[in-house]
Amino acid sequence: MKTPKGEISDSIIALANDEALLKKMSECKNYEEMYELVKDRVDMSFKQFTAEMDIAVSYIQEMESGKLSESELDAVAGGKDNSQWNNLVVPGPFI
């Protein structure tokens, strides 16, 4: 998968689909412990693993920082915030 931060291999993405494994990975203190946990699932060196994990973590943090608030989502999803349209004058009639 290509991201603005770099390439993430399918094997790293596949790890994200295993919730039990993600929980175990979150308990690891460093990339060495993570790699020991998943090295049989990924076909890459430790150096490549750490590089891709750095990209993945950076990408996730960037995505989370761009989350919309509930009111922003409401405005985008259905226009609940109509305040900008309250004083709109519509010309008419059209023939």
PDB file of N, CA and C in Angstrom:
ATOM      1  N   MET A   1       0.850  -1.168   0.000  1.00  0.00           N
ATOM      2  CA  MET A   1       0.000   0.000   0.000  1.00  0.00           C
ATOM      3  C   MET A   1       0.898   1.233   0.000  1.00  0.00           C
ATOM      4  N   LYS A   2       0.615   2.133  -0.907  1.00  0.00           N
ATOM      5  CA  LYS A   2       1.370   3.378  -0.942  1.00  0.00           C
ATOM      6  C   LYS A   2       0.673   4.396  -0.049  1.00  0.00           C
ATOM      7  N   THR A   3       1.449   5.080   0.752  1.00  0.00           N
ATOM      8  CA  THR A   3       0.949   6.154   1.598  1.00  0.00           C
ATOM      9  C   THR A   3       1.786   7.386   1.310  1.00  0.00           C
ATOM     10  N   PRO A   4       1.339   8.554   1.742  1.00  0.00           N
ATOM     11  CA  PRO A   4       2.174   9.745   1.575  1.00  0.00           C
ATOM     12  C   PRO A   4       3.509   9.630   2.313  1.00  0.00           C
ATOM     13  N   LYS A   5       3.570   8.755   3.296  1.00  0.00           N
ATOM     14  CA  LYS A   5       4.788   8.578   4.083  1.00  0.00           C
ATOM     15  C   LYS A   5       5.714   7.519   3.509  1.00  0.00           C
ATOM     16  N   GLY A   6       5.210   6.676   2.603  1.00  0.00           N
ATOM     17  CA  GLY A   6       6.023   5.613   2.020  1.00  0.00           C
ATOM     18  C   GLY A   6       5.201   4.361   1.795  1.00  0.00           C
ATOM     19  N   GLU A   7       5.872   3.302   1.410  1.00  0.00           N
ATOM     20  CA  GLU A   7       5.228   2.030   1.068  1.00  0.00           C
ATOM     21  C   GLU A   7       5.106   1.121   2.295  1.00  0.00           C
ATOM     22  N   ILE A   8       3.922   0.497   2.433  1.00  0.00           N
ATOM     23  CA  ILE A   8       3.697  -0.495   3.490  1.00  0.00           C
ATOM     24  C   ILE A   8       3.334  -1.802   2.787  1.00  0.00           C
ATOM     25  N   SER A   9       4.067  -2.861   3.090  1.00  0.00           N
ATOM     26  CA  SER A   9       3.840  -4.147   2.419  1.00  0.00           C
ATOM     27  C   SER A   9       2.537  -4.796   2.876  1.00  0.00           C
ATOM     28  N   ASP A  10       2.072  -5.724   2.051  1.00  0.00           N
ATOM     29  CA  ASP A  10       0.837  -6.450   2.363  1.00  0.00           C
ATOM     30  C   ASP A  10       0.970  -7.252   3.652  1.00  0.00           C
ATOM     31  N   SER A  11       2.166  -7.750   3.944  1.00  0.00           N
ATOM     32  CA  SER A  11       2.326  -8.559   5.163  1.00  0.00           C
ATOM     33  C   SER A  11       2.160  -7.713   6.420  1.00  0.00           C
ATOM     34  N   ILE A  12       2.574  -6.448   6.383  1.00  0.00           N
ATOM     35  CA  ILE A  12       2.363  -5.556   7.531  1.00  0.00           C
ATOM     36  C   ILE A  12       0.880  -5.210   7.646  1.00  0.00           C
ATOM     37  N   ILE A  13       0.239  -4.968   6.528  1.00  0.00           N
ATOM     38  CA  ILE A  13      -1.196  -4.659   6.529  1.00  0.00           C
ATOM     39  C   ILE A  13      -1.988  -5.853   7.054  1.00  0.00           C
ATOM     40  N   ALA A  14      -1.570  -7.062   6.689  1.00  0.00           N
ATOM     41  CA  ALA A  14      -2.266  -8.270   7.156  1.00  0.00           C
ATOM     42  C   ALA A  14      -2.220  -8.389   8.675  1.00  0.00           C
ATOM     43  N   LEU A  15      -1.149  -7.914   9.298  1.00  0.00           N
ATOM     44  CA  LEU A  15      -1.058  -7.960  10.760  1.00  0.00           C
ATOM     45  C   LEU A  15      -2.186  -7.156  11.405  1.00  0.00           C
ATOM     46  N   ALA A  16      -2.568  -6.066  10.758  1.00  0.00           N
ATOM     47  CA  ALA A  16      -3.599  -5.188  11.305  1.00  0.00           C
ATOM     48  C   ALA A  16      -4.980  -5.841  11.303  1.00  0.00           C
ATOM     49  N   ASN A  17      -5.143  -6.919  10.559  1.00  0.00           N
ATOM     50  CA  ASN A  17      -6.442  -7.597  10.498  1.00  0.00           C
ATOM     51  C   ASN A  17      -6.633  -8.631  11.601  1.00  0.00           C
ATOM     52  N   ASP A  18      -5.617  -8.847  12.400  1.00  0.00           N
ATOM     53  CA  ASP A  18      -5.683  -9.825  13.492  1.00  0.00           C
ATOM     54  C   ASP A  18      -5.729  -9.065  14.819  1.00  0.00           C
ATOM     55  N   GLU A  19      -6.919  -8.901  15.355  1.00  0.00           N
ATOM     56  CA  GLU A  19      -7.086  -8.089  16.571  1.00  0.00           C
ATOM     57  C   GLU A  19      -6.350  -8.662  17.774  1.00  0.00           C
ATOM     58  N   ALA A  20      -6.325  -9.971  17.901  1.00  0.00           N
ATOM     59  CA  ALA A  20      -5.609 -10.585  19.028  1.00  0.00           C
ATOM     60  C   ALA A  20      -4.110 -10.301  18.916  1.00  0.00           C
ATOM     61  N   LEU A  21      -3.593 -10.384  17.714  1.00  0.00           N
ATOM     62  CA  LEU A  21      -2.177 -10.100  17.503  1.00  0.00           C
ATOM     63  C   LEU A  21      -1.883  -8.620  17.759  1.00  0.00           C
ATOM     64  N   LEU A  22      -2.771  -7.747  17.310  1.00  0.00           N
ATOM     65  CA  LEU A  22      -2.576  -6.311  17.561  1.00  0.00           C
ATOM     66  C   LEU A  22      -2.512  -6.009  19.054  1.00  0.00           C
ATOM     67  N   LYS A  23      -3.354  -6.686  19.819  1.00  0.00           N
ATOM     68  CA  LYS A  23      -3.326  -6.488  21.272  1.00  0.00           C
ATOM     69  C   LYS A  23      -1.975  -6.911  21.838  1.00  0.00           C
ATOM     70  N   LYS A  24      -1.482  -8.066  21.402  1.00  0.00           N
ATOM     71  CA  LYS A  24      -0.172  -8.527  21.862  1.00  0.00           C
ATOM     72  C   LYS A  24       0.930  -7.556  21.435  1.00  0.00           C
ATOM     73  N   MET A  25       0.845  -7.053  20.205  1.00  0.00           N
ATOM     74  CA  MET A  25       1.856  -6.112  19.707  1.00  0.00           C
ATOM     75  C   MET A  25       1.844  -4.818  20.514  1.00  0.00           C
ATOM     76  N   SER A  26       0.655  -4.390  20.922  1.00  0.00           N
ATOM     77  CA  SER A  26       0.557  -3.143  21.683  1.00  0.00           C
ATOM     78  C   SER A  26       1.194  -3.260  23.063  1.00  0.00           C
ATOM     79  N   GLU A  27       1.344  -4.491  23.536  1.00  0.00           N
ATOM     80  CA  GLU A  27       1.973  -4.729  24.834  1.00  0.00           C
ATOM     81  C   GLU A  27       3.498  -4.812  24.745  1.00  0.00           C
ATOM     82  N   CYS A  28       4.022  -4.853  23.521  1.00  0.00           N
ATOM     83  CA  CYS A  28       5.477  -4.925  23.326  1.00  0.00           C
ATOM     84  C   CYS A  28       6.104  -3.584  23.685  1.00  0.00           C
ATOM     85  N   LYS A  29       7.323  -3.634  24.194  1.00  0.00           N
ATOM     86  CA  LYS A  29       8.033  -2.433  24.617  1.00  0.00           C
ATOM     87  C   LYS A  29       8.800  -1.772  23.480  1.00  0.00           C
ATOM     88  N   ASN A  30       9.105  -2.536  22.425  1.00  0.00           N
ATOM     89  CA  ASN A  30       9.901  -1.995  21.323  1.00  0.00           C
ATOM     90  C   ASN A  30       9.690  -2.847  20.076  1.00  0.00           C
ATOM     91  N   TYR A  31      10.297  -2.392  18.974  1.00  0.00           N
ATOM     92  CA  TYR A  31      10.169  -3.112  17.707  1.00  0.00           C
ATOM     93  C   TYR A  31      10.817  -4.494  17.754  1.00  0.00           C
ATOM     94  N   GLU A  32      11.853  -4.670  18.569  1.00  0.00           N
ATOM     95  CA  GLU A  32      12.490  -5.980  18.674  1.00  0.00           C
ATOM     96  C   GLU A  32      11.496  -7.022  19.184  1.00  0.00           C
ATOM     97  N   GLU A  33      10.748  -6.654  20.233  1.00  0.00           N
ATOM     98  CA  GLU A  33       9.747  -7.576  20.774  1.00  0.00           C
ATOM     99  C   GLU A  33       8.638  -7.837  19.756  1.00  0.00           C
ATOM    100  N   MET A  34       8.225  -6.788  19.058  1.00  0.00           N
ATOM    101  CA  MET A  34       7.195  -6.960  18.034  1.00  0.00           C
ATOM    102  C   MET A  34       7.671  -7.901  16.937  1.00  0.00           C
ATOM    103  N   TYR A  35       8.892  -7.686  16.489  1.00  0.00           N
ATOM    104  CA  TYR A  35       9.433  -8.504  15.404  1.00  0.00           C
ATOM    105  C   TYR A  35       9.512  -9.966  15.826  1.00  0.00           C
ATOM    106  N   GLU A  36       9.935 -10.232  17.051  1.00  0.00           N
ATOM    107  CA  GLU A  36       9.990 -11.608  17.544  1.00  0.00           C
ATOM    108  C   GLU A  36       8.599 -12.238  17.526  1.00  0.00           C
ATOM    109  N   LEU A  37       7.596 -11.443  17.795  1.00  0.00           N
ATOM    110  CA  LEU A  37       6.214 -11.917  17.824  1.00  0.00           C
ATOM    111  C   LEU A  37       5.681 -12.248  16.427  1.00  0.00           C
ATOM    112  N   VAL A  38       6.106 -11.491  15.408  1.00  0.00           N
ATOM    113  CA  VAL A  38       5.510 -11.615  14.075  1.00  0.00           C
ATOM    114  C   VAL A  38       6.462 -12.082  12.986  1.00  0.00           C
ATOM    115  N   LYS A  39       7.713 -12.348  13.312  1.00  0.00           N
ATOM    116  CA  LYS A  39       8.690 -12.638  12.255  1.00  0.00           C
ATOM    117  C   LYS A  39       8.310 -13.848  11.406  1.00  0.00           C
ATOM    118  N   ASP A  40       7.535 -14.777  11.955  1.00  0.00           N
ATOM    119  CA  ASP A  40       7.087 -15.910  11.157  1.00  0.00           C
ATOM    120  C   ASP A  40       5.945 -15.544  10.208  1.00  0.00           C
ATOM    121  N   ARG A  41       5.338 -14.383  10.399  1.00  0.00           N
ATOM    122  CA  ARG A  41       4.230 -13.931   9.550  1.00  0.00           C
ATOM    123  C   ARG A  41       4.662 -12.941   8.473  1.00  0.00           C
ATOM    124  N   VAL A  42       5.812 -12.328   8.661  1.00  0.00           N
ATOM    125  CA  VAL A  42       6.293 -11.344   7.689  1.00  0.00           C
ATOM    126  C   VAL A  42       7.575 -11.877   7.054  1.00  0.00           C
ATOM    127  N   ASP A  43       7.695 -11.700   5.773  1.00  0.00           N
ATOM    128  CA  ASP A  43       8.878 -12.175   5.061  1.00  0.00           C
ATOM    129  C   ASP A  43       9.792 -10.992   4.783  1.00  0.00           C
ATOM    130  N   MET A  44      10.441 -10.511   5.869  1.00  0.00           N
ATOM    131  CA  MET A  44      11.314  -9.349   5.729  1.00  0.00           C
ATOM    132  C   MET A  44      12.318  -9.315   6.869  1.00  0.00           C
ATOM    133  N   SER A  45      13.357  -8.550   6.644  1.00  0.00           N
ATOM    134  CA  SER A  45      14.372  -8.378   7.674  1.00  0.00           C
ATOM    135  C   SER A  45      13.852  -7.455   8.775  1.00  0.00           C
ATOM    136  N   PHE A  46      14.547  -7.475   9.898  1.00  0.00           N
ATOM    137  CA  PHE A  46      14.186  -6.585  11.002  1.00  0.00           C
ATOM    138  C   PHE A  46      14.275  -5.121  10.570  1.00  0.00           C
ATOM    139  N   LYS A  47      15.295  -4.799   9.780  1.00  0.00           N
ATOM    140  CA  LYS A  47      15.472  -3.417   9.313  1.00  0.00           C
ATOM    141  C   LYS A  47      14.285  -2.968   8.468  1.00  0.00           C
ATOM    142  N   GLN A  48      13.826  -3.816   7.556  1.00  0.00           N
ATOM    143  CA  GLN A  48      12.667  -3.473   6.729  1.00  0.00           C
ATOM    144  C   GLN A  48      11.408  -3.381   7.588  1.00  0.00           C
ATOM    145  N   PHE A  49      11.273  -4.294   8.553  1.00  0.00           N
ATOM    146  CA  PHE A  49      10.122  -4.287   9.451  1.00  0.00           C
ATOM    147  C   PHE A  49      10.031  -2.961  10.208  1.00  0.00           C
ATOM    148  N   THR A  50      11.149  -2.519  10.772  1.00  0.00           N
ATOM    149  CA  THR A  50      11.124  -1.263  11.539  1.00  0.00           C
ATOM    150  C   THR A  50      10.831  -0.076  10.634  1.00  0.00           C
ATOM    151  N   ALA A  51      11.374  -0.093   9.423  1.00  0.00           N
ATOM    152  CA  ALA A  51      11.117   1.011   8.489  1.00  0.00           C
ATOM    153  C   ALA A  51       9.631   1.076   8.132  1.00  0.00           C
ATOM    154  N   GLU A  52       9.035  -0.069   7.844  1.00  0.00           N
ATOM    155  CA  GLU A  52       7.613  -0.091   7.487  1.00  0.00           C
ATOM    156  C   GLU A  52       6.723   0.228   8.679  1.00  0.00           C
ATOM    157  N   MET A  53       7.107  -0.214   9.858  1.00  0.00           N
ATOM    158  CA  MET A  53       6.331   0.120  11.047  1.00  0.00           C
ATOM    159  C   MET A  53       6.386   1.618  11.320  1.00  0.00           C
ATOM    160  N   ASP A  54       7.544   2.235  11.115  1.00  0.00           N
ATOM    161  CA  ASP A  54       7.646   3.692  11.266  1.00  0.00           C
ATOM    162  C   ASP A  54       6.698   4.402  10.304  1.00  0.00           C
ATOM    163  N   ILE A  55       6.651   3.923   9.063  1.00  0.00           N
ATOM    164  CA  ILE A  55       5.755   4.511   8.061  1.00  0.00           C
ATOM    165  C   ILE A  55       4.304   4.321   8.493  1.00  0.00           C
ATOM    166  N   ALA A  56       3.958   3.111   8.925  1.00  0.00           N
ATOM    167  CA  ALA A  56       2.577   2.809   9.328  1.00  0.00           C
ATOM    168  C   ALA A  56       2.154   3.658  10.523  1.00  0.00           C
ATOM    169  N   VAL A  57       3.010   3.762  11.527  1.00  0.00           N
ATOM    170  CA  VAL A  57       2.688   4.554  12.720  1.00  0.00           C
ATOM    171  C   VAL A  57       2.515   6.019  12.345  1.00  0.00           C
ATOM    172  N   SER A  58       3.401   6.537  11.534  1.00  0.00           N
ATOM    173  CA  SER A  58       3.328   7.926  11.097  1.00  0.00           C
ATOM    174  C   SER A  58       2.045   8.183  10.306  1.00  0.00           C
ATOM    175  N   TYR A  59       1.706   7.250   9.426  1.00  0.00           N
ATOM    176  CA  TYR A  59       0.498   7.377   8.609  1.00  0.00           C
ATOM    177  C   TYR A  59      -0.758   7.358   9.481  1.00  0.00           C
ATOM    178  N   ILE A  60      -0.806   6.455  10.443  1.00  0.00           N
ATOM    179  CA  ILE A  60      -1.958   6.363  11.346  1.00  0.00           C
ATOM    180  C   ILE A  60      -2.095   7.635  12.174  1.00  0.00           C
ATOM    181  N   GLN A  61      -0.995   8.142  12.693  1.00  0.00           N
ATOM    182  CA  GLN A  61      -1.037   9.377  13.478  1.00  0.00           C
ATOM    183  C   GLN A  61      -1.532  10.549  12.634  1.00  0.00           C
ATOM    184  N   GLU A  62      -1.091  10.598  11.386  1.00  0.00           N
ATOM    185  CA  GLU A  62      -1.524  11.663  10.494  1.00  0.00           C
ATOM    186  C   GLU A  62      -3.021  11.557  10.219  1.00  0.00           C
ATOM    187  N   MET A  63      -3.503  10.339  10.009  1.00  0.00           N
ATOM    188  CA  MET A  63      -4.931  10.135   9.757  1.00  0.00           C
ATOM    189  C   MET A  63      -5.757  10.518  10.981  1.00  0.00           C
ATOM    190  N   GLU A  64      -5.294  10.128  12.175  1.00  0.00           N
ATOM    191  CA  GLU A  64      -6.032  10.437  13.392  1.00  0.00           C
ATOM    192  C   GLU A  64      -6.067  11.930  13.668  1.00  0.00           C
ATOM    193  N   SER A  65      -5.022  12.641  13.328  1.00  0.00           N
ATOM    194  CA  SER A  65      -4.998  14.079  13.575  1.00  0.00           C
ATOM    195  C   SER A  65      -5.962  14.806  12.649  1.00  0.00           C
ATOM    196  N   GLY A  66      -6.368  14.157  11.567  1.00  0.00           N
ATOM    197  CA  GLY A  66      -7.288  14.776  10.624  1.00  0.00           C
ATOM    198  C   GLY A  66      -8.736  14.369  10.838  1.00  0.00           C
ATOM    199  N   LYS A  67      -9.025  13.729  11.968  1.00  0.00           N
ATOM    200  CA  LYS A  67     -10.401  13.304  12.237  1.00  0.00           C
ATOM    201  C   LYS A  67     -11.307  14.517  12.400  1.00  0.00           C
ATOM    202  N   LEU A  68     -12.528  14.373  11.908  1.00  0.00           N
ATOM    203  CA  LEU A  68     -13.519  15.430  12.045  1.00  0.00           C
ATOM    204  C   LEU A  68     -14.304  15.257  13.338  1.00  0.00           C
ATOM    205  N   SER A  69     -14.713  16.370  13.921  1.00  0.00           N
ATOM    206  CA  SER A  69     -15.556  16.320  15.110  1.00  0.00           C
ATOM    207  C   SER A  69     -16.965  15.905  14.693  1.00  0.00           C
ATOM    208  N   GLU A  70     -17.811  15.586  15.670  1.00  0.00           N
ATOM    209  CA  GLU A  70     -19.181  15.198  15.368  1.00  0.00           C
ATOM    210  C   GLU A  70     -19.927  16.313  14.624  1.00  0.00           C
ATOM    211  N   SER A  71     -19.746  17.557  15.042  1.00  0.00           N
ATOM    212  CA  SER A  71     -20.443  18.659  14.367  1.00  0.00           C
ATOM    213  C   SER A  71     -19.916  18.861  12.948  1.00  0.00           C
ATOM    214  N   GLU A  72     -18.599  18.657  12.754  1.00  0.00           N
ATOM    215  CA  GLU A  72     -18.046  18.765  11.407  1.00  0.00           C
ATOM    216  C   GLU A  72     -18.587  17.656  10.509  1.00  0.00           C
ATOM    217  N   LEU A  73     -18.695  16.443  11.073  1.00  0.00           N
ATOM    218  CA  LEU A  73     -19.265  15.341  10.307  1.00  0.00           C
ATOM    219  C   LEU A  73     -20.720  15.592   9.956  1.00  0.00           C
ATOM    220  N   ASP A  74     -21.489  16.126  10.899  1.00  0.00           N
ATOM    221  CA  ASP A  74     -22.886  16.435  10.636  1.00  0.00           C
ATOM    222  C   ASP A  74     -23.021  17.449   9.505  1.00  0.00           C
ATOM    223  N   ALA A  75     -22.188  18.463   9.520  1.00  0.00           N
ATOM    224  CA  ALA A  75     -22.252  19.498   8.492  1.00  0.00           C
ATOM    225  C   ALA A  75     -21.905  18.928   7.119  1.00  0.00           C
ATOM    226  N   VAL A  76     -20.943  18.017   7.074  1.00  0.00           N
ATOM    227  CA  VAL A  76     -20.530  17.434   5.804  1.00  0.00           C
ATOM    228  C   VAL A  76     -21.549  16.403   5.337  1.00  0.00           C
ATOM    229  N   ALA A  77     -22.038  15.597   6.258  1.00  0.00           N
ATOM    230  CA  ALA A  77     -22.878  14.465   5.896  1.00  0.00           C
ATOM    231  C   ALA A  77     -24.315  14.834   5.575  1.00  0.00           C
ATOM    232  N   GLY A  78     -24.797  15.952   6.033  1.00  0.00           N
ATOM    233  CA  GLY A  78     -26.192  16.211   5.747  1.00  0.00           C
ATOM    234  C   GLY A  78     -26.600  17.652   5.902  1.00  0.00           C
ATOM    235  N   GLY A  79     -25.670  18.492   6.175  1.00  0.00           N
ATOM    236  CA  GLY A  79     -25.980  19.909   6.251  1.00  0.00           C
ATOM    237  C   GLY A  79     -26.795  20.294   7.457  1.00  0.00           C
ATOM    238  N   LYS A  80     -26.585  19.675   8.605  1.00  0.00           N
ATOM    239  CA  LYS A  80     -27.330  20.052   9.799  1.00  0.00           C
ATOM    240  C   LYS A  80     -27.042  21.482  10.216  1.00  0.00           C
ATOM    241  N   ASP A  81     -25.867  21.964   9.889  1.00  0.00           N
ATOM    242  CA  ASP A  81     -25.516  23.342  10.224  1.00  0.00           C
ATOM    243  C   ASP A  81     -25.963  24.238   9.075  1.00  0.00           C
ATOM    244  N   ASN A  82     -27.156  24.790   9.199  1.00  0.00           N
ATOM    245  CA  ASN A  82     -27.725  25.612   8.138  1.00  0.00           C
ATOM    246  C   ASN A  82     -27.519  27.095   8.366  1.00  0.00           C
ATOM    247  N   SER A  83     -26.744  27.478   9.356  1.00  0.00           N
ATOM    248  CA  SER A  83     -26.604  28.890   9.706  1.00  0.00           C
ATOM    249  C   SER A  83     -26.116  29.743   8.550  1.00  0.00           C
ATOM    250  N   GLN A  84     -25.280  29.211   7.687  1.00  0.00           N
ATOM    251  CA  GLN A  84     -24.771  30.012   6.585  1.00  0.00           C
ATOM    252  C   GLN A  84     -25.828  30.267   5.518  1.00  0.00           C
ATOM    253  N   TRP A  85     -26.916  29.507   5.527  1.00  0.00           N
ATOM    254  CA  TRP A  85     -27.942  29.641   4.502  1.00  0.00           C
ATOM    255  C   TRP A  85     -29.188  30.404   4.984  1.00  0.00           C
ATOM    256  N   ASN A  86     -29.229  30.769   6.253  1.00  0.00           N
ATOM    257  CA  ASN A  86     -30.422  31.392   6.801  1.00  0.00           C
ATOM    258  C   ASN A  86     -30.775  32.718   6.139  1.00  0.00           C
ATOM    259  N   ASN A  87     -29.823  33.474   5.677  1.00  0.00           N
ATOM    260  CA  ASN A  87     -30.078  34.786   5.086  1.00  0.00           C
ATOM    261  C   ASN A  87     -29.954  34.775   3.579  1.00  0.00           C
ATOM    262  N   LEU A  88     -30.038  33.603   2.983  1.00  0.00           N
ATOM    263  CA  LEU A  88     -29.910  33.477   1.548  1.00  0.00           C
ATOM    264  C   LEU A  88     -31.166  33.964   0.854  1.00  0.00           C
ATOM    265  N   VAL A  89     -31.010  34.824  -0.126  1.00  0.00           N
ATOM    266  CA  VAL A  89     -32.133  35.311  -0.922  1.00  0.00           C
ATOM    267  C   VAL A  89     -32.078  34.592  -2.249  1.00  0.00           C
ATOM    268  N   VAL A  90     -33.156  33.915  -2.576  1.00  0.00           N
ATOM    269  CA  VAL A  90     -33.201  33.166  -3.816  1.00  0.00           C
ATOM    270  C   VAL A  90     -33.972  34.010  -4.839  1.00  0.00           C
ATOM    271  N   PRO A  91     -33.359  34.331  -5.978  1.00  0.00           N
ATOM    272  CA  PRO A  91     -34.071  35.092  -6.999  1.00  0.00           C
ATOM    273  C   PRO A  91     -35.133  34.211  -7.665  1.00  0.00           C
ATOM    274  N   GLY A  92     -36.112  34.796  -8.171  1.00  0.00           N
ATOM    275  CA  GLY A  92     -37.137  33.994  -8.844  1.00  0.00           C
ATOM    276  C   GLY A  92     -38.189  34.919  -9.416  1.00  0.00           C
ATOM    277  N   PRO A  93     -39.169  34.524  -9.992  1.00  0.00           N
ATOM    278  CA  PRO A  93     -39.352  33.158 -10.507  1.00  0.00           C
ATOM    279  C   PRO A  93     -38.567  32.951 -11.791  1.00  0.00           C
ATOM    280  N   PHE A  94     -38.228  31.699 -12.048  1.00  0.00           N
ATOM    281  CA  PHE A  94     -37.519  31.373 -13.281  1.00  0.00           C
ATOM    282  C   PHE A  94     -38.516  30.887 -14.307  1.00  0.00           C
ATOM    283  N   ILE A  95     -38.341  31.344 -15.536  1.00  0.00           N
ATOM    284  CA  ILE A  95     -39.275  30.954 -16.606  1.00  0.00           C
ATOM    285  C   ILE A  95     -38.544  30.084 -17.605  1.00  0.00           C
TER     286      ILE A  95
END
